[in-house]
Amino acid sequence: MLEMGEPVPIVQLARQVIESAGYHVRADDNPDGDIAIDIIGLRPGEKMEEELTLTDELITTRHQKIFCARETVLSEIKVAAFMRGLRQAVAAGDEAAARLVLATLGRGLWPRGHRP
């Protein structure tokens, strides 16, 4: 995992790209600008933040800005059991059972107190 520094708001990044290309942002305080930035909201499936690890436990390496993440894993037996349960629920057309299997899988992956 790489140390990426502080998060940058996407609006700030858009402004920097527009201005570095020699254009001006069109806004209320600059109606004659070249390019407007429109905030349209999230589309289905988009997230406000990206999480790269399930835990915050990072292990240092010999490189100052490169880390390793120590993640909790499920055994092959548990994964096979989850897959079998999910297949059975889907084959039966039982949405509630499928959701229950997926929720159970999620509880197995997320550390205590760190659910999205």
N, C-alpha and C. Protein backbone atom coordinates (compact mmCIF):
# COMPACT_ATOMS: atom_id res chain seq x y z
N MET A 1 0.85 -1.16 0.00
CA MET A 1 0.00 0.00 0.00
C MET A 1 0.90 1.23 0.00
N LEU A 2 0.56 2.23 -0.80
CA LEU A 2 1.37 3.43 -0.90
C LEU A 2 0.80 4.55 -0.03
N GLU A 3 1.68 5.34 0.57
CA GLU A 3 1.28 6.54 1.31
C GLU A 3 0.95 7.60 0.26
N MET A 4 -0.32 7.99 0.21
CA MET A 4 -0.76 8.91 -0.83
C MET A 4 -0.92 10.34 -0.33
N GLY A 5 -0.68 10.58 0.95
CA GLY A 5 -0.85 11.92 1.48
C GLY A 5 -2.30 12.18 1.86
N GLU A 6 -2.61 13.43 2.10
CA GLU A 6 -3.96 13.81 2.51
C GLU A 6 -4.92 13.72 1.32
N PRO A 7 -6.18 13.35 1.58
CA PRO A 7 -7.17 13.32 0.49
C PRO A 7 -7.38 14.71 -0.09
N VAL A 8 -7.65 14.76 -1.39
CA VAL A 8 -7.89 16.02 -2.08
C VAL A 8 -9.33 16.02 -2.58
N PRO A 9 -10.11 17.05 -2.24
CA PRO A 9 -11.49 17.11 -2.75
C PRO A 9 -11.49 17.12 -4.28
N ILE A 10 -12.42 16.40 -4.89
CA ILE A 10 -12.46 16.28 -6.34
C ILE A 10 -12.68 17.63 -7.01
N VAL A 11 -13.40 18.54 -6.35
CA VAL A 11 -13.61 19.88 -6.93
C VAL A 11 -12.28 20.62 -7.02
N GLN A 12 -11.45 20.48 -6.00
CA GLN A 12 -10.13 21.12 -6.02
C GLN A 12 -9.28 20.53 -7.14
N LEU A 13 -9.33 19.21 -7.31
CA LEU A 13 -8.58 18.56 -8.37
C LEU A 13 -9.06 19.03 -9.74
N ALA A 14 -10.38 19.13 -9.92
CA ALA A 14 -10.94 19.59 -11.19
C ALA A 14 -10.47 21.02 -11.49
N ARG A 15 -10.50 21.88 -10.49
CA ARG A 15 -10.02 23.27 -10.67
C ARG A 15 -8.55 23.28 -11.12
N GLN A 16 -7.73 22.47 -10.45
CA GLN A 16 -6.30 22.43 -10.78
C GLN A 16 -6.08 21.95 -12.21
N VAL A 17 -6.84 20.96 -12.65
CA VAL A 17 -6.68 20.45 -14.02
C VAL A 17 -7.09 21.51 -15.02
N ILE A 18 -8.22 22.17 -14.78
CA ILE A 18 -8.70 23.21 -15.69
C ILE A 18 -7.70 24.35 -15.78
N GLU A 19 -7.23 24.83 -14.63
CA GLU A 19 -6.31 25.96 -14.60
C GLU A 19 -4.93 25.60 -15.14
N SER A 20 -4.47 24.37 -14.92
CA SER A 20 -3.16 23.99 -15.44
C SER A 20 -3.18 23.85 -16.96
N ALA A 21 -4.38 23.68 -17.55
CA ALA A 21 -4.51 23.61 -19.00
C ALA A 21 -4.67 25.01 -19.60
N GLY A 22 -4.63 26.05 -18.75
CA GLY A 22 -4.71 27.42 -19.25
C GLY A 22 -6.12 27.97 -19.36
N TYR A 23 -7.09 27.27 -18.78
CA TYR A 23 -8.48 27.74 -18.82
C TYR A 23 -8.87 28.30 -17.47
N HIS A 24 -10.06 28.92 -17.43
CA HIS A 24 -10.59 29.47 -16.19
C HIS A 24 -11.90 28.78 -15.85
N VAL A 25 -12.13 28.57 -14.56
CA VAL A 25 -13.35 27.93 -14.11
C VAL A 25 -14.50 28.93 -14.16
N ARG A 26 -15.61 28.52 -14.78
CA ARG A 26 -16.80 29.35 -14.82
C ARG A 26 -17.56 29.11 -13.52
N ALA A 27 -17.85 30.20 -12.80
CA ALA A 27 -18.56 30.11 -11.52
C ALA A 27 -19.32 31.41 -11.31
N ASP A 28 -20.06 31.49 -10.20
CA ASP A 28 -20.84 32.70 -9.91
C ASP A 28 -19.94 33.93 -9.87
N ASP A 29 -18.74 33.77 -9.29
CA ASP A 29 -17.83 34.92 -9.20
C ASP A 29 -17.02 35.13 -10.48
N ASN A 30 -17.17 34.24 -11.47
CA ASN A 30 -16.47 34.37 -12.75
C ASN A 30 -17.35 33.79 -13.87
N PRO A 31 -18.44 34.51 -14.22
CA PRO A 31 -19.38 33.99 -15.22
C PRO A 31 -18.79 33.88 -16.62
N ASP A 32 -17.67 34.52 -16.88
CA ASP A 32 -17.04 34.46 -18.20
C ASP A 32 -15.98 33.37 -18.30
N GLY A 33 -15.90 32.51 -17.29
CA GLY A 33 -14.90 31.44 -17.31
C GLY A 33 -15.15 30.47 -18.47
N ASP A 34 -14.14 29.64 -18.75
CA ASP A 34 -14.20 28.73 -19.89
C ASP A 34 -14.96 27.43 -19.61
N ILE A 35 -14.76 26.88 -18.43
CA ILE A 35 -15.31 25.56 -18.12
C ILE A 35 -16.01 25.61 -16.77
N ALA A 36 -17.27 25.14 -16.75
CA ALA A 36 -18.04 25.09 -15.51
C ALA A 36 -17.85 23.72 -14.85
N ILE A 37 -17.86 23.70 -13.54
CA ILE A 37 -17.84 22.45 -12.78
C ILE A 37 -19.24 22.25 -12.22
N ASP A 38 -19.90 21.19 -12.65
CA ASP A 38 -21.25 20.87 -12.18
C ASP A 38 -21.19 19.71 -11.21
N ILE A 39 -21.78 19.88 -10.03
CA ILE A 39 -21.87 18.80 -9.04
C ILE A 39 -23.19 18.09 -9.31
N ILE A 40 -23.12 16.83 -9.75
CA ILE A 40 -24.33 16.11 -10.13
C ILE A 40 -24.70 15.02 -9.14
N GLY A 41 -23.87 14.78 -8.13
CA GLY A 41 -24.17 13.75 -7.14
C GLY A 41 -23.58 12.42 -7.53
N LEU A 42 -23.75 11.45 -6.65
CA LEU A 42 -23.21 10.12 -6.88
C LEU A 42 -24.11 9.32 -7.80
N ARG A 43 -23.50 8.52 -8.64
CA ARG A 43 -24.24 7.57 -9.46
C ARG A 43 -24.36 6.28 -8.68
N PRO A 44 -25.27 5.39 -9.07
CA PRO A 44 -25.40 4.11 -8.35
C PRO A 44 -24.06 3.36 -8.32
N GLY A 45 -23.67 2.93 -7.13
CA GLY A 45 -22.43 2.18 -6.97
C GLY A 45 -21.21 3.03 -6.67
N GLU A 46 -21.29 4.35 -6.86
CA GLU A 46 -20.15 5.21 -6.57
C GLU A 46 -20.06 5.46 -5.06
N LYS A 47 -18.83 5.71 -4.60
CA LYS A 47 -18.60 5.95 -3.18
C LYS A 47 -17.93 7.30 -2.98
N MET A 48 -18.13 7.87 -1.81
CA MET A 48 -17.47 9.13 -1.47
C MET A 48 -16.00 8.90 -1.14
N GLU A 49 -15.70 7.76 -0.54
CA GLU A 49 -14.31 7.45 -0.16
C GLU A 49 -14.00 6.03 -0.55
N GLU A 50 -12.77 5.76 -0.82
CA GLU A 50 -12.32 4.42 -1.17
C GLU A 50 -11.50 3.86 -0.02
N GLU A 51 -11.88 2.68 0.45
CA GLU A 51 -11.10 2.01 1.49
C GLU A 51 -10.27 0.92 0.83
N LEU A 52 -8.99 0.92 1.10
CA LEU A 52 -8.10 -0.04 0.47
C LEU A 52 -7.83 -1.26 1.34
N THR A 53 -8.11 -1.15 2.62
CA THR A 53 -7.89 -2.26 3.53
C THR A 53 -9.10 -2.41 4.44
N LEU A 54 -9.22 -3.58 5.03
CA LEU A 54 -10.30 -3.81 5.98
C LEU A 54 -9.92 -3.35 7.38
N THR A 55 -8.63 -3.30 7.67
CA THR A 55 -8.16 -2.87 8.98
C THR A 55 -7.22 -1.68 8.81
N ASP A 56 -6.88 -1.06 9.91
CA ASP A 56 -5.94 0.05 9.88
C ASP A 56 -4.53 -0.42 10.23
N GLU A 57 -4.34 -1.71 10.34
CA GLU A 57 -3.04 -2.25 10.75
C GLU A 57 -2.09 -2.30 9.55
N LEU A 58 -1.19 -1.32 9.48
CA LEU A 58 -0.22 -1.26 8.39
C LEU A 58 1.16 -1.60 8.93
N ILE A 59 1.91 -2.35 8.15
CA ILE A 59 3.25 -2.78 8.54
C ILE A 59 4.25 -1.98 7.71
N THR A 60 5.24 -1.41 8.37
CA THR A 60 6.23 -0.62 7.65
C THR A 60 7.15 -1.53 6.83
N THR A 61 7.72 -0.94 5.79
CA THR A 61 8.71 -1.63 4.97
C THR A 61 9.97 -0.79 4.98
N ARG A 62 10.98 -1.21 4.24
CA ARG A 62 12.21 -0.41 4.22
C ARG A 62 12.04 0.89 3.45
N HIS A 63 10.94 1.00 2.71
CA HIS A 63 10.64 2.24 2.00
C HIS A 63 9.67 3.07 2.84
N GLN A 64 9.99 4.32 3.06
CA GLN A 64 9.24 5.18 3.97
C GLN A 64 7.76 5.32 3.62
N LYS A 65 7.41 5.30 2.32
CA LYS A 65 6.03 5.54 1.92
C LYS A 65 5.35 4.30 1.33
N ILE A 66 5.90 3.11 1.64
CA ILE A 66 5.29 1.85 1.19
C ILE A 66 5.03 1.00 2.42
N PHE A 67 3.79 0.50 2.52
CA PHE A 67 3.37 -0.29 3.66
C PHE A 67 2.74 -1.60 3.19
N CYS A 68 2.65 -2.55 4.09
CA CYS A 68 1.91 -3.79 3.88
C CYS A 68 0.72 -3.77 4.81
N ALA A 69 -0.38 -4.37 4.39
CA ALA A 69 -1.56 -4.45 5.24
C ALA A 69 -1.71 -5.87 5.75
N ARG A 70 -2.02 -6.00 7.02
CA ARG A 70 -2.29 -7.32 7.60
C ARG A 70 -3.81 -7.47 7.66
N GLU A 71 -4.33 -8.37 6.83
CA GLU A 71 -5.77 -8.55 6.72
C GLU A 71 -6.21 -9.89 7.31
N THR A 72 -7.42 -9.91 7.80
CA THR A 72 -8.03 -11.14 8.27
C THR A 72 -8.52 -11.90 7.04
N VAL A 73 -8.29 -13.19 6.99
CA VAL A 73 -8.74 -13.98 5.85
C VAL A 73 -9.66 -15.09 6.32
N LEU A 74 -10.47 -15.56 5.40
CA LEU A 74 -11.34 -16.69 5.68
C LEU A 74 -10.69 -17.96 5.14
N SER A 75 -10.93 -19.06 5.81
CA SER A 75 -10.39 -20.33 5.34
C SER A 75 -11.15 -20.77 4.08
N GLU A 76 -10.53 -21.64 3.30
CA GLU A 76 -11.19 -22.18 2.11
C GLU A 76 -12.47 -22.92 2.48
N ILE A 77 -12.47 -23.56 3.62
CA ILE A 77 -13.66 -24.31 4.06
C ILE A 77 -14.81 -23.35 4.31
N LYS A 78 -14.54 -22.21 4.98
CA LYS A 78 -15.61 -21.23 5.24
C LYS A 78 -16.12 -20.62 3.93
N VAL A 79 -15.19 -20.30 3.02
CA VAL A 79 -15.60 -19.73 1.74
C VAL A 79 -16.48 -20.73 0.98
N ALA A 80 -16.07 -22.01 0.96
CA ALA A 80 -16.86 -23.04 0.28
C ALA A 80 -18.25 -23.17 0.90
N ALA A 81 -18.33 -23.09 2.23
CA ALA A 81 -19.63 -23.17 2.90
C ALA A 81 -20.51 -21.99 2.53
N PHE A 82 -19.93 -20.79 2.50
CA PHE A 82 -20.69 -19.60 2.10
C PHE A 82 -21.18 -19.75 0.66
N MET A 83 -20.31 -20.20 -0.23
CA MET A 83 -20.68 -20.36 -1.63
C MET A 83 -21.80 -21.38 -1.79
N ARG A 84 -21.72 -22.49 -1.06
CA ARG A 84 -22.75 -23.52 -1.11
C ARG A 84 -24.09 -22.94 -0.65
N GLY A 85 -24.07 -22.20 0.47
CA GLY A 85 -25.30 -21.59 0.97
C GLY A 85 -25.87 -20.58 0.00
N LEU A 86 -25.01 -19.79 -0.63
CA LEU A 86 -25.47 -18.79 -1.59
C LEU A 86 -26.05 -19.47 -2.83
N ARG A 87 -25.38 -20.51 -3.33
CA ARG A 87 -25.91 -21.25 -4.49
C ARG A 87 -27.29 -21.83 -4.18
N GLN A 88 -27.44 -22.40 -3.00
CA GLN A 88 -28.72 -23.00 -2.62
C GLN A 88 -29.82 -21.94 -2.55
N ALA A 89 -29.49 -20.79 -1.97
CA ALA A 89 -30.48 -19.71 -1.86
C ALA A 89 -30.89 -19.19 -3.24
N VAL A 90 -29.91 -19.01 -4.12
CA VAL A 90 -30.20 -18.52 -5.48
C VAL A 90 -31.02 -19.55 -6.24
N ALA A 91 -30.63 -20.83 -6.16
CA ALA A 91 -31.37 -21.90 -6.86
C ALA A 91 -32.81 -21.97 -6.40
N ALA A 92 -33.05 -21.69 -5.10
CA ALA A 92 -34.40 -21.73 -4.55
C ALA A 92 -35.16 -20.42 -4.78
N GLY A 93 -34.46 -19.42 -5.30
CA GLY A 93 -35.10 -18.12 -5.50
C GLY A 93 -35.42 -17.42 -4.19
N ASP A 94 -34.67 -17.74 -3.16
CA ASP A 94 -34.93 -17.21 -1.81
C ASP A 94 -34.01 -16.01 -1.55
N GLU A 95 -34.52 -14.81 -1.84
CA GLU A 95 -33.72 -13.59 -1.69
C GLU A 95 -33.33 -13.34 -0.24
N ALA A 96 -34.22 -13.60 0.69
CA ALA A 96 -33.92 -13.37 2.11
C ALA A 96 -32.78 -14.28 2.56
N ALA A 97 -32.78 -15.53 2.13
CA ALA A 97 -31.71 -16.45 2.50
C ALA A 97 -30.39 -16.02 1.88
N ALA A 98 -30.42 -15.55 0.63
CA ALA A 98 -29.20 -15.08 -0.02
C ALA A 98 -28.63 -13.87 0.72
N ARG A 99 -29.50 -12.95 1.11
CA ARG A 99 -29.04 -11.78 1.86
C ARG A 99 -28.44 -12.18 3.21
N LEU A 100 -29.05 -13.16 3.85
CA LEU A 100 -28.54 -13.64 5.13
C LEU A 100 -27.14 -14.26 4.97
N VAL A 101 -26.95 -15.04 3.91
CA VAL A 101 -25.63 -15.64 3.65
C VAL A 101 -24.60 -14.53 3.42
N LEU A 102 -24.94 -13.53 2.61
CA LEU A 102 -24.01 -12.43 2.33
C LEU A 102 -23.71 -11.62 3.59
N ALA A 103 -24.73 -11.38 4.42
CA ALA A 103 -24.51 -10.64 5.66
C ALA A 103 -23.58 -11.42 6.58
N THR A 104 -23.77 -12.73 6.63
CA THR A 104 -22.91 -13.58 7.47
C THR A 104 -21.48 -13.54 6.96
N LEU A 105 -21.32 -13.57 5.64
CA LEU A 105 -19.98 -13.49 5.06
C LEU A 105 -19.33 -12.16 5.43
N GLY A 106 -20.11 -11.07 5.35
CA GLY A 106 -19.59 -9.75 5.71
C GLY A 106 -19.12 -9.69 7.14
N ARG A 107 -19.88 -10.31 8.05
CA ARG A 107 -19.47 -10.32 9.46
C ARG A 107 -18.18 -11.09 9.65
N GLY A 108 -17.94 -12.08 8.79
CA GLY A 108 -16.70 -12.85 8.89
C GLY A 108 -15.49 -12.11 8.39
N LEU A 109 -15.69 -11.09 7.55
CA LEU A 109 -14.57 -10.35 6.97
C LEU A 109 -14.20 -9.09 7.73
N TRP A 110 -15.20 -8.40 8.27
CA TRP A 110 -14.93 -7.11 8.88
C TRP A 110 -14.51 -7.28 10.33
N PRO A 111 -13.43 -6.59 10.73
CA PRO A 111 -13.02 -6.64 12.13
C PRO A 111 -14.11 -6.04 13.01
N ARG A 112 -14.15 -6.48 14.25
CA ARG A 112 -15.15 -5.99 15.21
C ARG A 112 -15.13 -4.46 15.29
N GLY A 113 -16.30 -3.84 15.10
CA GLY A 113 -16.42 -2.39 15.21
C GLY A 113 -15.97 -1.63 13.98
N HIS A 114 -15.65 -2.33 12.87
CA HIS A 114 -15.16 -1.63 11.68
C HIS A 114 -16.01 -1.98 10.47
N ARG A 115 -17.30 -1.92 10.61
CA ARG A 115 -18.18 -2.23 9.48
C ARG A 115 -18.48 -0.95 8.71
N PRO A 116 -18.60 -1.07 7.39
CA PRO A 116 -18.88 0.12 6.57
C PRO A 116 -20.27 0.66 6.80
